[in-house]
Amino acid sequence: MNADNLRNEILSLPIADRAELAEALLLSLEPESMGDALPKWLAEASDRLQAYNEGKLISSDYNEALDRVKNSI
């Protein structure tokens, strides 16, 4: 499986599963190379998941989000 296929499969998972995977991936990086970014990213991911669960944040399809970014450039 190539990275694009894996990315697409991961993005089709429920948001809670994606958040857990994001945390695991961040933790797999060398902490020294992350500096103080890792705790900030983990807090951000946690805050976003909480906001989503509380209905304060909506999710977007990957392709729709990518199109919005491309159109804003």
PDB file of N, CA and C in Angstrom:
ATOM      1  N   MET A   1       0.841  -1.169   0.000  1.00  0.00           N
ATOM      2  CA  MET A   1       0.000   0.000   0.000  1.00  0.00           C
ATOM      3  C   MET A   1       0.894   1.243   0.000  1.00  0.00           C
ATOM      4  N   ASN A   2       0.590   2.179  -0.894  1.00  0.00           N
ATOM      5  CA  ASN A   2       1.394   3.397  -0.922  1.00  0.00           C
ATOM      6  C   ASN A   2       0.815   4.443   0.031  1.00  0.00           C
ATOM      7  N   ALA A   3       1.550   5.520   0.214  1.00  0.00           N
ATOM      8  CA  ALA A   3       1.163   6.549   1.188  1.00  0.00           C
ATOM      9  C   ALA A   3      -0.175   7.194   0.841  1.00  0.00           C
ATOM     10  N   ASP A   4      -0.439   7.423  -0.448  1.00  0.00           N
ATOM     11  CA  ASP A   4      -1.714   8.038  -0.835  1.00  0.00           C
ATOM     12  C   ASP A   4      -2.895   7.145  -0.482  1.00  0.00           C
ATOM     13  N   ASN A   5      -2.771   5.851  -0.761  1.00  0.00           N
ATOM     14  CA  ASN A   5      -3.848   4.921  -0.428  1.00  0.00           C
ATOM     15  C   ASN A   5      -4.052   4.840   1.075  1.00  0.00           C
ATOM     16  N   LEU A   6      -2.951   4.790   1.814  1.00  0.00           N
ATOM     17  CA  LEU A   6      -3.032   4.730   3.269  1.00  0.00           C
ATOM     18  C   LEU A   6      -3.685   6.000   3.819  1.00  0.00           C
ATOM     19  N   ARG A   7      -3.272   7.154   3.304  1.00  0.00           N
ATOM     20  CA  ARG A   7      -3.849   8.427   3.738  1.00  0.00           C
ATOM     21  C   ARG A   7      -5.356   8.437   3.502  1.00  0.00           C
ATOM     22  N   ASN A   8      -5.788   8.028   2.320  1.00  0.00           N
ATOM     23  CA  ASN A   8      -7.216   8.005   2.000  1.00  0.00           C
ATOM     24  C   ASN A   8      -7.975   7.057   2.917  1.00  0.00           C
ATOM     25  N   GLU A   9      -7.392   5.920   3.205  1.00  0.00           N
ATOM     26  CA  GLU A   9      -8.046   4.962   4.093  1.00  0.00           C
ATOM     27  C   GLU A   9      -8.150   5.525   5.508  1.00  0.00           C
ATOM     28  N   ILE A  10      -7.082   6.131   5.975  1.00  0.00           N
ATOM     29  CA  ILE A  10      -7.092   6.727   7.318  1.00  0.00           C
ATOM     30  C   ILE A  10      -8.117   7.850   7.401  1.00  0.00           C
ATOM     31  N   LEU A  11      -8.194   8.686   6.378  1.00  0.00           N
ATOM     32  CA  LEU A  11      -9.125   9.802   6.397  1.00  0.00           C
ATOM     33  C   LEU A  11     -10.582   9.361   6.345  1.00  0.00           C
ATOM     34  N   SER A  12     -10.836   8.114   5.982  1.00  0.00           N
ATOM     35  CA  SER A  12     -12.205   7.610   5.977  1.00  0.00           C
ATOM     36  C   SER A  12     -12.633   7.071   7.342  1.00  0.00           C
ATOM     37  N   LEU A  13     -11.687   7.016   8.290  1.00  0.00           N
ATOM     38  CA  LEU A  13     -12.000   6.538   9.638  1.00  0.00           C
ATOM     39  C   LEU A  13     -12.781   7.590  10.413  1.00  0.00           C
ATOM     40  N   PRO A  14     -13.495   7.170  11.451  1.00  0.00           N
ATOM     41  CA  PRO A  14     -14.168   8.145  12.316  1.00  0.00           C
ATOM     42  C   PRO A  14     -13.143   9.087  12.943  1.00  0.00           C
ATOM     43  N   ILE A  15     -13.589  10.278  13.278  1.00  0.00           N
ATOM     44  CA  ILE A  15     -12.683  11.317  13.769  1.00  0.00           C
ATOM     45  C   ILE A  15     -11.924  10.893  15.022  1.00  0.00           C
ATOM     46  N   ALA A  16     -12.561  10.171  15.917  1.00  0.00           N
ATOM     47  CA  ALA A  16     -11.868   9.748  17.143  1.00  0.00           C
ATOM     48  C   ALA A  16     -10.709   8.811  16.813  1.00  0.00           C
ATOM     49  N   ASP A  17     -10.916   7.919  15.853  1.00  0.00           N
ATOM     50  CA  ASP A  17      -9.843   7.012  15.444  1.00  0.00           C
ATOM     51  C   ASP A  17      -8.709   7.780  14.781  1.00  0.00           C
ATOM     52  N   ARG A  18      -9.065   8.787  13.973  1.00  0.00           N
ATOM     53  CA  ARG A  18      -8.031   9.597  13.322  1.00  0.00           C
ATOM     54  C   ARG A  18      -7.228  10.374  14.359  1.00  0.00           C
ATOM     55  N   ALA A  19      -7.892  10.873  15.394  1.00  0.00           N
ATOM     56  CA  ALA A  19      -7.193  11.607  16.447  1.00  0.00           C
ATOM     57  C   ALA A  19      -6.206  10.700  17.173  1.00  0.00           C
ATOM     58  N   GLU A  20      -6.623   9.473  17.461  1.00  0.00           N
ATOM     59  CA  GLU A  20      -5.718   8.521  18.116  1.00  0.00           C
ATOM     60  C   GLU A  20      -4.514   8.219  17.236  1.00  0.00           C
ATOM     61  N   LEU A  21      -4.743   8.043  15.946  1.00  0.00           N
ATOM     62  CA  LEU A  21      -3.638   7.791  15.022  1.00  0.00           C
ATOM     63  C   LEU A  21      -2.713   8.998  14.922  1.00  0.00           C
ATOM     64  N   ALA A  22      -3.285  10.189  14.906  1.00  0.00           N
ATOM     65  CA  ALA A  22      -2.467  11.402  14.847  1.00  0.00           C
ATOM     66  C   ALA A  22      -1.561  11.491  16.068  1.00  0.00           C
ATOM     67  N   GLU A  23      -2.115  11.180  17.224  1.00  0.00           N
ATOM     68  CA  GLU A  23      -1.311  11.208  18.439  1.00  0.00           C
ATOM     69  C   GLU A  23      -0.189  10.180  18.374  1.00  0.00           C
ATOM     70  N   ALA A  24      -0.516   8.975  17.926  1.00  0.00           N
ATOM     71  CA  ALA A  24       0.498   7.918  17.838  1.00  0.00           C
ATOM     72  C   ALA A  24       1.605   8.307  16.858  1.00  0.00           C
ATOM     73  N   LEU A  25       1.233   8.911  15.738  1.00  0.00           N
ATOM     74  CA  LEU A  25       2.236   9.339  14.759  1.00  0.00           C
ATOM     75  C   LEU A  25       3.129  10.430  15.333  1.00  0.00           C
ATOM     76  N   LEU A  26       2.524  11.393  16.010  1.00  0.00           N
ATOM     77  CA  LEU A  26       3.327  12.458  16.616  1.00  0.00           C
ATOM     78  C   LEU A  26       4.271  11.908  17.668  1.00  0.00           C
ATOM     79  N   LEU A  27       3.782  10.977  18.457  1.00  0.00           N
ATOM     80  CA  LEU A  27       4.627  10.395  19.494  1.00  0.00           C
ATOM     81  C   LEU A  27       5.750   9.539  18.913  1.00  0.00           C
ATOM     82  N   SER A  28       5.559   9.058  17.686  1.00  0.00           N
ATOM     83  CA  SER A  28       6.587   8.216  17.063  1.00  0.00           C
ATOM     84  C   SER A  28       7.771   9.034  16.554  1.00  0.00           C
ATOM     85  N   LEU A  29       7.584  10.355  16.441  1.00  0.00           N
ATOM     86  CA  LEU A  29       8.669  11.220  16.011  1.00  0.00           C
ATOM     87  C   LEU A  29       9.656  11.402  17.147  1.00  0.00           C
ATOM     88  N   GLU A  30      10.865  11.707  16.794  1.00  0.00           N
ATOM     89  CA  GLU A  30      11.872  11.919  17.823  1.00  0.00           C
ATOM     90  C   GLU A  30      11.522  13.188  18.598  1.00  0.00           C
ATOM     91  N   PRO A  31      11.296  13.073  19.906  1.00  0.00           N
ATOM     92  CA  PRO A  31      10.907  14.255  20.686  1.00  0.00           C
ATOM     93  C   PRO A  31      11.898  15.405  20.573  1.00  0.00           C
ATOM     94  N   GLU A  32      13.187  15.093  20.429  1.00  0.00           N
ATOM     95  CA  GLU A  32      14.186  16.151  20.342  1.00  0.00           C
ATOM     96  C   GLU A  32      13.961  17.021  19.102  1.00  0.00           C
ATOM     97  N   SER A  33      13.519  16.401  18.004  1.00  0.00           N
ATOM     98  CA  SER A  33      13.326  17.163  16.782  1.00  0.00           C
ATOM     99  C   SER A  33      12.033  17.964  16.816  1.00  0.00           C
ATOM    100  N   MET A  34      11.149  17.630  17.730  1.00  0.00           N
ATOM    101  CA  MET A  34       9.877  18.329  17.835  1.00  0.00           C
ATOM    102  C   MET A  34       9.961  19.558  18.725  1.00  0.00           C
ATOM    103  N   GLY A  35      10.988  19.636  19.547  1.00  0.00           N
ATOM    104  CA  GLY A  35      11.072  20.760  20.477  1.00  0.00           C
ATOM    105  C   GLY A  35       9.857  20.760  21.383  1.00  0.00           C
ATOM    106  N   ASP A  36       9.233  21.919  21.537  1.00  0.00           N
ATOM    107  CA  ASP A  36       8.036  21.995  22.377  1.00  0.00           C
ATOM    108  C   ASP A  36       6.755  21.881  21.553  1.00  0.00           C
ATOM    109  N   ALA A  37       6.868  21.504  20.286  1.00  0.00           N
ATOM    110  CA  ALA A  37       5.706  21.418  19.406  1.00  0.00           C
ATOM    111  C   ALA A  37       4.790  20.240  19.749  1.00  0.00           C
ATOM    112  N   LEU A  38       5.356  19.120  20.169  1.00  0.00           N
ATOM    113  CA  LEU A  38       4.538  17.932  20.413  1.00  0.00           C
ATOM    114  C   LEU A  38       3.446  18.186  21.437  1.00  0.00           C
ATOM    115  N   PRO A  39       3.748  18.693  22.615  1.00  0.00           N
ATOM    116  CA  PRO A  39       2.663  18.932  23.568  1.00  0.00           C
ATOM    117  C   PRO A  39       1.613  19.914  23.038  1.00  0.00           C
ATOM    118  N   LYS A  40       2.056  20.888  22.246  1.00  0.00           N
ATOM    119  CA  LYS A  40       1.118  21.864  21.676  1.00  0.00           C
ATOM    120  C   LYS A  40       0.199  21.201  20.654  1.00  0.00           C
ATOM    121  N   TRP A  41       0.761  20.333  19.816  1.00  0.00           N
ATOM    122  CA  TRP A  41      -0.060  19.628  18.827  1.00  0.00           C
ATOM    123  C   TRP A  41      -1.031  18.674  19.505  1.00  0.00           C
ATOM    124  N   LEU A  42      -0.582  17.983  20.528  1.00  0.00           N
ATOM    125  CA  LEU A  42      -1.471  17.067  21.239  1.00  0.00           C
ATOM    126  C   LEU A  42      -2.612  17.828  21.904  1.00  0.00           C
ATOM    127  N   ALA A  43      -2.310  18.978  22.475  1.00  0.00           N
ATOM    128  CA  ALA A  43      -3.358  19.795  23.091  1.00  0.00           C
ATOM    129  C   ALA A  43      -4.330  20.297  22.031  1.00  0.00           C
ATOM    130  N   GLU A  44      -3.807  20.720  20.886  1.00  0.00           N
ATOM    131  CA  GLU A  44      -4.654  21.200  19.792  1.00  0.00           C
ATOM    132  C   GLU A  44      -5.575  20.092  19.293  1.00  0.00           C
ATOM    133  N   ALA A  45      -5.025  18.898  19.093  1.00  0.00           N
ATOM    134  CA  ALA A  45      -5.834  17.763  18.631  1.00  0.00           C
ATOM    135  C   ALA A  45      -6.921  17.433  19.646  1.00  0.00           C
ATOM    136  N   SER A  46      -6.567  17.456  20.906  1.00  0.00           N
ATOM    137  CA  SER A  46      -7.539  17.179  21.960  1.00  0.00           C
ATOM    138  C   SER A  46      -8.636  18.239  21.982  1.00  0.00           C
ATOM    139  N   ASP A  47      -8.254  19.505  21.867  1.00  0.00           N
ATOM    140  CA  ASP A  47      -9.234  20.591  21.851  1.00  0.00           C
ATOM    141  C   ASP A  47     -10.168  20.480  20.657  1.00  0.00           C
ATOM    142  N   ARG A  48      -9.621  20.138  19.504  1.00  0.00           N
ATOM    143  CA  ARG A  48     -10.457  20.003  18.296  1.00  0.00           C
ATOM    144  C   ARG A  48     -11.423  18.830  18.419  1.00  0.00           C
ATOM    145  N   LEU A  49     -10.950  17.721  18.963  1.00  0.00           N
ATOM    146  CA  LEU A  49     -11.830  16.571  19.138  1.00  0.00           C
ATOM    147  C   LEU A  49     -12.955  16.910  20.105  1.00  0.00           C
ATOM    148  N   GLN A  50     -12.627  17.591  21.189  1.00  0.00           N
ATOM    149  CA  GLN A  50     -13.643  17.988  22.158  1.00  0.00           C
ATOM    150  C   GLN A  50     -14.668  18.925  21.512  1.00  0.00           C
ATOM    151  N   ALA A  51     -14.202  19.893  20.744  1.00  0.00           N
ATOM    152  CA  ALA A  51     -15.104  20.821  20.062  1.00  0.00           C
ATOM    153  C   ALA A  51     -15.998  20.073  19.082  1.00  0.00           C
ATOM    154  N   TYR A  52     -15.450  19.111  18.370  1.00  0.00           N
ATOM    155  CA  TYR A  52     -16.240  18.308  17.430  1.00  0.00           C
ATOM    156  C   TYR A  52     -17.303  17.520  18.182  1.00  0.00           C
ATOM    157  N   ASN A  53     -16.905  16.874  19.268  1.00  0.00           N
ATOM    158  CA  ASN A  53     -17.845  16.071  20.045  1.00  0.00           C
ATOM    159  C   ASN A  53     -18.957  16.919  20.660  1.00  0.00           C
ATOM    160  N   GLU A  54     -18.668  18.185  20.928  1.00  0.00           N
ATOM    161  CA  GLU A  54     -19.657  19.096  21.503  1.00  0.00           C
ATOM    162  C   GLU A  54     -20.485  19.802  20.423  1.00  0.00           C
ATOM    163  N   GLY A  55     -20.235  19.486  19.158  1.00  0.00           N
ATOM    164  CA  GLY A  55     -20.985  20.091  18.066  1.00  0.00           C
ATOM    165  C   GLY A  55     -20.549  21.507  17.725  1.00  0.00           C
ATOM    166  N   LYS A  56     -19.397  21.913  18.234  1.00  0.00           N
ATOM    167  CA  LYS A  56     -18.892  23.262  17.978  1.00  0.00           C
ATOM    168  C   LYS A  56     -17.994  23.320  16.745  1.00  0.00           C
ATOM    169  N   LEU A  57     -17.683  22.184  16.189  1.00  0.00           N
ATOM    170  CA  LEU A  57     -16.775  22.100  15.055  1.00  0.00           C
ATOM    171  C   LEU A  57     -17.316  21.045  14.102  1.00  0.00           C
ATOM    172  N   ILE A  58     -17.369  21.373  12.846  1.00  0.00           N
ATOM    173  CA  ILE A  58     -17.829  20.394  11.865  1.00  0.00           C
ATOM    174  C   ILE A  58     -16.627  19.770  11.167  1.00  0.00           C
ATOM    175  N   SER A  59     -16.817  18.586  10.655  1.00  0.00           N
ATOM    176  CA  SER A  59     -15.738  17.938   9.917  1.00  0.00           C
ATOM    177  C   SER A  59     -15.917  18.227   8.434  1.00  0.00           C
ATOM    178  N   SER A  60     -14.833  18.124   7.696  1.00  0.00           N
ATOM    179  CA  SER A  60     -14.863  18.337   6.255  1.00  0.00           C
ATOM    180  C   SER A  60     -14.250  17.138   5.566  1.00  0.00           C
ATOM    181  N   ASP A  61     -14.801  16.810   4.426  1.00  0.00           N
ATOM    182  CA  ASP A  61     -14.229  15.783   3.579  1.00  0.00           C
ATOM    183  C   ASP A  61     -12.854  16.267   3.124  1.00  0.00           C
ATOM    184  N   TYR A  62     -11.892  15.375   3.073  1.00  0.00           N
ATOM    185  CA  TYR A  62     -10.518  15.732   2.697  1.00  0.00           C
ATOM    186  C   TYR A  62     -10.481  16.470   1.362  1.00  0.00           C
ATOM    187  N   ASN A  63     -11.160  15.932   0.366  1.00  0.00           N
ATOM    188  CA  ASN A  63     -11.107  16.537  -0.963  1.00  0.00           C
ATOM    189  C   ASN A  63     -11.758  17.916  -0.986  1.00  0.00           C
ATOM    190  N   GLU A  64     -12.856  18.077  -0.244  1.00  0.00           N
ATOM    191  CA  GLU A  64     -13.498  19.390  -0.164  1.00  0.00           C
ATOM    192  C   GLU A  64     -12.571  20.395   0.518  1.00  0.00           C
ATOM    193  N   ALA A  65     -11.944  19.981   1.599  1.00  0.00           N
ATOM    194  CA  ALA A  65     -11.027  20.871   2.315  1.00  0.00           C
ATOM    195  C   ALA A  65      -9.840  21.237   1.426  1.00  0.00           C
ATOM    196  N   LEU A  66      -9.302  20.256   0.719  1.00  0.00           N
ATOM    197  CA  LEU A  66      -8.181  20.507  -0.174  1.00  0.00           C
ATOM    198  C   LEU A  66      -8.573  21.482  -1.273  1.00  0.00           C
ATOM    199  N   ASP A  67      -9.773  21.320  -1.831  1.00  0.00           N
ATOM    200  CA  ASP A  67     -10.256  22.246  -2.858  1.00  0.00           C
ATOM    201  C   ASP A  67     -10.373  23.665  -2.307  1.00  0.00           C
ATOM    202  N   ARG A  68     -10.879  23.819  -1.073  1.00  0.00           N
ATOM    203  CA  ARG A  68     -10.993  25.149  -0.468  1.00  0.00           C
ATOM    204  C   ARG A  68      -9.617  25.793  -0.311  1.00  0.00           C
ATOM    205  N   VAL A  69      -8.647  25.002   0.112  1.00  0.00           N
ATOM    206  CA  VAL A  69      -7.294  25.546   0.279  1.00  0.00           C
ATOM    207  C   VAL A  69      -6.720  25.951  -1.077  1.00  0.00           C
ATOM    208  N   LYS A  70      -6.858  25.097  -2.061  1.00  0.00           N
ATOM    209  CA  LYS A  70      -6.323  25.401  -3.398  1.00  0.00           C
ATOM    210  C   LYS A  70      -6.987  26.661  -3.961  1.00  0.00           C
ATOM    211  N   ASN A  71      -8.290  26.811  -3.752  1.00  0.00           N
ATOM    212  CA  ASN A  71      -9.002  27.965  -4.276  1.00  0.00           C
ATOM    213  C   ASN A  71      -8.664  29.254  -3.547  1.00  0.00           C
ATOM    214  N   SER A  72      -8.138  29.144  -2.325  1.00  0.00           N
ATOM    215  CA  SER A  72      -7.806  30.343  -1.566  1.00  0.00           C
ATOM    216  C   SER A  72      -6.405  30.863  -1.867  1.00  0.00           C
ATOM    217  N   ILE A  73      -5.633  30.076  -2.594  1.00  0.00           N
ATOM    218  CA  ILE A  73      -4.257  30.471  -2.895  1.00  0.00           C
ATOM    219  C   ILE A  73      -4.205  31.334  -4.137  1.00  0.00           C
TER     220      ILE A  73
END
